[in-house]
Amino acid sequence: MMGVILAHESAAFRPRLSIVQVEESTDLAPRFDAAGLLTVVTTDAESGDVVMVGVMNAEALARTIETREAHYWSRSRQCLWHKGATSGLTQHVVELRIDDDQDAVWLRVKTAGVGANCHVGYRSCFYRRVDLPVDEGVSAPAARLVFCEAEKTFDPIAVYGDAPNPTQI
């Protein structure tokens, strides 16, 4: 997508003209991948915890900038997704950063309601960790997950009802 101006309504991104422009200027010239997406890491503005990782297309990035509420591209639903539109758990963007080559975004957010970000009901989408072997270099028979959050922050059935689950098998 080099050299193409990507725009959505009032937010226009600059064309990518040079490495110096991309890395050293004040121009917002995002580089979307072949599918038109860029990676987004979202952290809690107060604790710094990673609460989710997603993707944005040009429209999602533009709407996030315009509204200061997180918008993503839902790969499972194949549509623009305003985080919290159904649940009320919107993410207010405190800060939006872009990496050096402008192909990844970091959002620092405050989440409305009970502060949960995961559709499963946990505060963070990263509610489990991989149980690593005690001794380095020793392989475990099978990787095992350990819960880091003891309980869910909300009941997903009460919040989402019969809305389709975005997790795909």
C-alpha atoms as a PDB file:
ATOM      1  CA  MET A   1       0.000   0.000   0.000  1.00  0.00           C
ATOM      2  CA  MET A   2       2.992   2.291  -0.324  1.00  0.00           C
ATOM      3  CA  GLY A   3       2.160   5.652  -1.818  1.00  0.00           C
ATOM      4  CA  VAL A   4      -1.595   5.247  -1.390  1.00  0.00           C
ATOM      5  CA  ILE A   5      -3.533   7.769   0.693  1.00  0.00           C
ATOM      6  CA  LEU A   6      -5.844   5.918   3.017  1.00  0.00           C
ATOM      7  CA  ALA A   7      -8.712   7.990   4.302  1.00  0.00           C
ATOM      8  CA  HIS A   8     -11.967   7.714   6.146  1.00  0.00           C
ATOM      9  CA  GLU A   9     -14.284  10.705   6.294  1.00  0.00           C
ATOM     10  CA  SER A  10     -12.350  13.507   8.043  1.00  0.00           C
ATOM     11  CA  ALA A  11      -9.216  11.553   8.975  1.00  0.00           C
ATOM     12  CA  ALA A  12      -6.675  11.301   6.168  1.00  0.00           C
ATOM     13  CA  PHE A  13      -3.390   9.474   6.443  1.00  0.00           C
ATOM     14  CA  ARG A  14      -0.305  10.688   4.592  1.00  0.00           C
ATOM     15  CA  PRO A  15       1.161   8.704   1.714  1.00  0.00           C
ATOM     16  CA  ARG A  16       4.393   6.891   2.586  1.00  0.00           C
ATOM     17  CA  LEU A  17       7.107   8.747   0.676  1.00  0.00           C
ATOM     18  CA  SER A  18      10.404   7.968   2.373  1.00  0.00           C
ATOM     19  CA  ILE A  19      11.959   6.155   5.319  1.00  0.00           C
ATOM     20  CA  VAL A  20      12.865   9.485   6.899  1.00  0.00           C
ATOM     21  CA  GLN A  21       9.243  10.638   6.608  1.00  0.00           C
ATOM     22  CA  VAL A  22       7.905   7.389   8.112  1.00  0.00           C
ATOM     23  CA  GLU A  23      10.462   7.136  10.928  1.00  0.00           C
ATOM     24  CA  GLU A  24      11.385  10.737  11.742  1.00  0.00           C
ATOM     25  CA  SER A  25       8.529  13.070  10.750  1.00  0.00           C
ATOM     26  CA  THR A  26       5.238  13.987  12.369  1.00  0.00           C
ATOM     27  CA  ASP A  27       3.249  12.512   9.432  1.00  0.00           C
ATOM     28  CA  LEU A  28       0.821   9.725  10.274  1.00  0.00           C
ATOM     29  CA  ALA A  29       1.457   7.329   7.367  1.00  0.00           C
ATOM     30  CA  PRO A  30       0.387   3.885   8.582  1.00  0.00           C
ATOM     31  CA  ARG A  31       1.431   0.752   6.716  1.00  0.00           C
ATOM     32  CA  PHE A  32      -1.428  -1.726   6.536  1.00  0.00           C
ATOM     33  CA  ASP A  33      -0.619  -5.320   5.550  1.00  0.00           C
ATOM     34  CA  ALA A  34      -1.837  -7.092   2.401  1.00  0.00           C
ATOM     35  CA  ALA A  35      -5.222  -7.652   4.086  1.00  0.00           C
ATOM     36  CA  GLY A  36      -5.463  -3.932   4.935  1.00  0.00           C
ATOM     37  CA  LEU A  37      -4.800  -4.462   8.663  1.00  0.00           C
ATOM     38  CA  LEU A  38      -2.309  -3.429  11.326  1.00  0.00           C
ATOM     39  CA  THR A  39      -1.723  -4.976  14.751  1.00  0.00           C
ATOM     40  CA  VAL A  40      -3.036  -3.217  17.868  1.00  0.00           C
ATOM     41  CA  VAL A  41      -1.785  -3.889  21.394  1.00  0.00           C
ATOM     42  CA  THR A  42      -4.196  -2.516  24.010  1.00  0.00           C
ATOM     43  CA  THR A  43      -3.140  -1.915  27.601  1.00  0.00           C
ATOM     44  CA  ASP A  44      -4.894  -0.624  30.687  1.00  0.00           C
ATOM     45  CA  ALA A  45      -3.881   3.039  31.092  1.00  0.00           C
ATOM     46  CA  GLU A  46      -3.468   2.747  34.862  1.00  0.00           C
ATOM     47  CA  SER A  47      -1.913  -0.682  35.458  1.00  0.00           C
ATOM     48  CA  GLY A  48      -0.104  -1.090  32.141  1.00  0.00           C
ATOM     49  CA  ASP A  49      -1.456  -4.641  31.818  1.00  0.00           C
ATOM     50  CA  VAL A  50      -2.045  -5.918  28.301  1.00  0.00           C
ATOM     51  CA  VAL A  51      -5.811  -6.384  28.045  1.00  0.00           C
ATOM     52  CA  MET A  52      -6.105  -7.409  24.405  1.00  0.00           C
ATOM     53  CA  VAL A  53      -4.440  -7.608  21.000  1.00  0.00           C
ATOM     54  CA  GLY A  54      -6.429  -6.973  17.854  1.00  0.00           C
ATOM     55  CA  VAL A  55      -6.237  -5.444  14.399  1.00  0.00           C
ATOM     56  CA  MET A  56      -7.431  -2.231  12.769  1.00  0.00           C
ATOM     57  CA  ASN A  57      -8.140  -1.343   9.196  1.00  0.00           C
ATOM     58  CA  ALA A  58      -7.971   2.286   7.984  1.00  0.00           C
ATOM     59  CA  GLU A  59     -11.575   2.966   9.008  1.00  0.00           C
ATOM     60  CA  ALA A  60     -11.079   1.563  12.518  1.00  0.00           C
ATOM     61  CA  LEU A  61      -7.937   3.661  13.037  1.00  0.00           C
ATOM     62  CA  ALA A  62      -9.656   6.795  11.727  1.00  0.00           C
ATOM     63  CA  ARG A  63     -12.743   6.256  13.921  1.00  0.00           C
ATOM     64  CA  THR A  64     -10.557   5.604  16.966  1.00  0.00           C
ATOM     65  CA  ILE A  65      -8.755   8.906  16.376  1.00  0.00           C
ATOM     66  CA  GLU A  66     -12.004  10.801  15.730  1.00  0.00           C
ATOM     67  CA  THR A  67     -14.002   9.425  18.680  1.00  0.00           C
ATOM     68  CA  ARG A  68     -11.241   8.577  21.209  1.00  0.00           C
ATOM     69  CA  GLU A  69     -12.999   5.230  21.662  1.00  0.00           C
ATOM     70  CA  ALA A  70     -11.370   2.035  20.416  1.00  0.00           C
ATOM     71  CA  HIS A  71     -12.582   0.589  17.140  1.00  0.00           C
ATOM     72  CA  TYR A  72     -11.133  -2.593  15.670  1.00  0.00           C
ATOM     73  CA  TRP A  73     -11.597  -4.794  12.643  1.00  0.00           C
ATOM     74  CA  SER A  74     -13.199  -8.081  13.660  1.00  0.00           C
ATOM     75  CA  ARG A  75     -11.594 -10.838  11.609  1.00  0.00           C
ATOM     76  CA  SER A  76     -14.144 -13.390  12.829  1.00  0.00           C
ATOM     77  CA  ARG A  77     -17.172 -11.216  11.957  1.00  0.00           C
ATOM     78  CA  GLN A  78     -15.502  -9.447   9.004  1.00  0.00           C
ATOM     79  CA  CYS A  79     -16.757  -6.027  10.064  1.00  0.00           C
ATOM     80  CA  LEU A  80     -15.833  -2.860  11.923  1.00  0.00           C
ATOM     81  CA  TRP A  81     -16.149  -3.385  15.682  1.00  0.00           C
ATOM     82  CA  HIS A  82     -16.687  -0.556  18.171  1.00  0.00           C
ATOM     83  CA  LYS A  83     -15.399  -2.162  21.383  1.00  0.00           C
ATOM     84  CA  GLY A  84     -18.120  -2.095  24.002  1.00  0.00           C
ATOM     85  CA  ALA A  85     -21.003  -1.146  21.683  1.00  0.00           C
ATOM     86  CA  THR A  86     -22.902  -4.271  22.812  1.00  0.00           C
ATOM     87  CA  SER A  87     -21.525  -4.758  26.333  1.00  0.00           C
ATOM     88  CA  GLY A  88     -21.092  -1.146  27.439  1.00  0.00           C
ATOM     89  CA  LEU A  89     -17.433  -1.918  28.159  1.00  0.00           C
ATOM     90  CA  THR A  90     -16.121   0.778  25.817  1.00  0.00           C
ATOM     91  CA  GLN A  91     -12.438   1.596  25.742  1.00  0.00           C
ATOM     92  CA  HIS A  92     -11.720   5.324  26.119  1.00  0.00           C
ATOM     93  CA  VAL A  93      -8.361   6.006  24.474  1.00  0.00           C
ATOM     94  CA  VAL A  94      -6.019   7.892  26.799  1.00  0.00           C
ATOM     95  CA  GLU A  95      -3.079   7.626  24.404  1.00  0.00           C
ATOM     96  CA  LEU A  96      -2.504   6.202  20.924  1.00  0.00           C
ATOM     97  CA  ARG A  97       1.054   5.416  19.857  1.00  0.00           C
ATOM     98  CA  ILE A  98       2.370   4.038  16.590  1.00  0.00           C
ATOM     99  CA  ASP A  99       5.640   2.124  16.198  1.00  0.00           C
ATOM    100  CA  ASP A 100       8.727   3.199  14.274  1.00  0.00           C
ATOM    101  CA  ASP A 101       7.695   1.881  10.848  1.00  0.00           C
ATOM    102  CA  GLN A 102       4.021   2.663  11.493  1.00  0.00           C
ATOM    103  CA  ASP A 103       2.632  -0.863  11.109  1.00  0.00           C
ATOM    104  CA  ALA A 104       1.551  -1.435  14.718  1.00  0.00           C
ATOM    105  CA  VAL A 105      -0.473   0.623  17.194  1.00  0.00           C
ATOM    106  CA  TRP A 106      -0.423   0.717  20.990  1.00  0.00           C
ATOM    107  CA  LEU A 107      -3.583   1.941  22.705  1.00  0.00           C
ATOM    108  CA  ARG A 108      -3.618   2.903  26.377  1.00  0.00           C
ATOM    109  CA  VAL A 109      -7.265   2.767  27.488  1.00  0.00           C
ATOM    110  CA  LYS A 110      -9.652   3.180  30.385  1.00  0.00           C
ATOM    111  CA  THR A 111     -12.446   0.651  30.077  1.00  0.00           C
ATOM    112  CA  ALA A 112     -15.973   1.682  31.051  1.00  0.00           C
ATOM    113  CA  GLY A 113     -18.291  -0.282  33.324  1.00  0.00           C
ATOM    114  CA  VAL A 114     -16.655  -3.009  35.384  1.00  0.00           C
ATOM    115  CA  GLY A 115     -13.378  -2.534  33.500  1.00  0.00           C
ATOM    116  CA  ALA A 116     -13.440  -5.904  31.759  1.00  0.00           C
ATOM    117  CA  ASN A 117     -12.128  -6.259  28.210  1.00  0.00           C
ATOM    118  CA  CYS A 118     -12.629  -9.926  27.372  1.00  0.00           C
ATOM    119  CA  HIS A 119     -15.821 -11.352  25.860  1.00  0.00           C
ATOM    120  CA  VAL A 120     -15.291 -14.449  28.049  1.00  0.00           C
ATOM    121  CA  GLY A 121     -15.901 -12.271  31.123  1.00  0.00           C
ATOM    122  CA  TYR A 122     -12.358 -11.695  32.392  1.00  0.00           C
ATOM    123  CA  ARG A 123     -10.680  -8.317  32.911  1.00  0.00           C
ATOM    124  CA  SER A 124      -8.028  -9.111  30.288  1.00  0.00           C
ATOM    125  CA  CYS A 125      -8.018 -11.420  27.273  1.00  0.00           C
ATOM    126  CA  PHE A 126      -4.729 -12.709  28.700  1.00  0.00           C
ATOM    127  CA  TYR A 127      -6.301 -14.464  31.695  1.00  0.00           C
ATOM    128  CA  ARG A 128      -4.153 -17.621  31.378  1.00  0.00           C
ATOM    129  CA  ARG A 129      -0.438 -18.299  31.197  1.00  0.00           C
ATOM    130  CA  VAL A 130       1.497 -21.233  29.820  1.00  0.00           C
ATOM    131  CA  ASP A 131       2.929 -23.376  32.612  1.00  0.00           C
ATOM    132  CA  LEU A 132       6.623 -23.323  31.706  1.00  0.00           C
ATOM    133  CA  PRO A 133       8.920 -26.233  32.642  1.00  0.00           C
ATOM    134  CA  VAL A 134      10.848 -25.710  35.891  1.00  0.00           C
ATOM    135  CA  ASP A 135      14.202 -26.566  34.326  1.00  0.00           C
ATOM    136  CA  GLU A 136      15.348 -24.690  31.258  1.00  0.00           C
ATOM    137  CA  GLY A 137      15.779 -26.946  28.248  1.00  0.00           C
ATOM    138  CA  VAL A 138      13.544 -29.672  29.669  1.00  0.00           C
ATOM    139  CA  SER A 139      10.458 -30.120  27.546  1.00  0.00           C
ATOM    140  CA  ALA A 140       7.142 -30.693  29.235  1.00  0.00           C
ATOM    141  CA  PRO A 141       4.980 -33.584  27.955  1.00  0.00           C
ATOM    142  CA  ALA A 142       2.227 -31.157  26.903  1.00  0.00           C
ATOM    143  CA  ALA A 143       1.821 -27.430  27.376  1.00  0.00           C
ATOM    144  CA  ARG A 144      -0.669 -26.626  30.102  1.00  0.00           C
ATOM    145  CA  LEU A 145      -2.527 -23.404  30.810  1.00  0.00           C
ATOM    146  CA  VAL A 146      -2.851 -21.905  34.282  1.00  0.00           C
ATOM    147  CA  PHE A 147      -5.505 -19.288  35.122  1.00  0.00           C
ATOM    148  CA  CYS A 148      -4.086 -15.932  36.241  1.00  0.00           C
ATOM    149  CA  GLU A 149      -7.463 -14.387  37.037  1.00  0.00           C
ATOM    150  CA  ALA A 150      -9.346 -16.271  39.735  1.00  0.00           C
ATOM    151  CA  GLU A 151     -12.827 -15.275  38.618  1.00  0.00           C
ATOM    152  CA  LYS A 152     -14.673 -13.558  35.832  1.00  0.00           C
ATOM    153  CA  THR A 153     -15.464  -9.862  36.150  1.00  0.00           C
ATOM    154  CA  PHE A 154     -18.888 -10.271  34.544  1.00  0.00           C
ATOM    155  CA  ASP A 155     -21.232 -12.973  33.277  1.00  0.00           C
ATOM    156  CA  PRO A 156     -20.937 -13.059  29.465  1.00  0.00           C
ATOM    157  CA  ILE A 157     -24.382 -14.656  29.022  1.00  0.00           C
ATOM    158  CA  ALA A 158     -26.028 -11.858  31.025  1.00  0.00           C
ATOM    159  CA  VAL A 159     -24.157  -9.224  28.993  1.00  0.00           C
ATOM    160  CA  TYR A 160     -24.221 -10.683  25.475  1.00  0.00           C
ATOM    161  CA  GLY A 161     -27.268 -12.935  25.616  1.00  0.00           C
ATOM    162  CA  ASP A 162     -27.542 -14.915  22.408  1.00  0.00           C
ATOM    163  CA  ALA A 163     -25.090 -12.777  20.395  1.00  0.00           C
ATOM    164  CA  PRO A 164     -22.742 -15.024  18.403  1.00  0.00           C
ATOM    165  CA  ASN A 165     -19.460 -15.880  20.107  1.00  0.00           C
ATOM    166  CA  PRO A 166     -16.550 -14.428  18.098  1.00  0.00           C
ATOM    167  CA  THR A 167     -14.238 -17.350  18.907  1.00  0.00           C
ATOM    168  CA  GLN A 168     -13.798 -19.666  15.942  1.00  0.00           C
ATOM    169  CA  ILE A 169     -12.917 -23.364  16.061  1.00  0.00           C
END
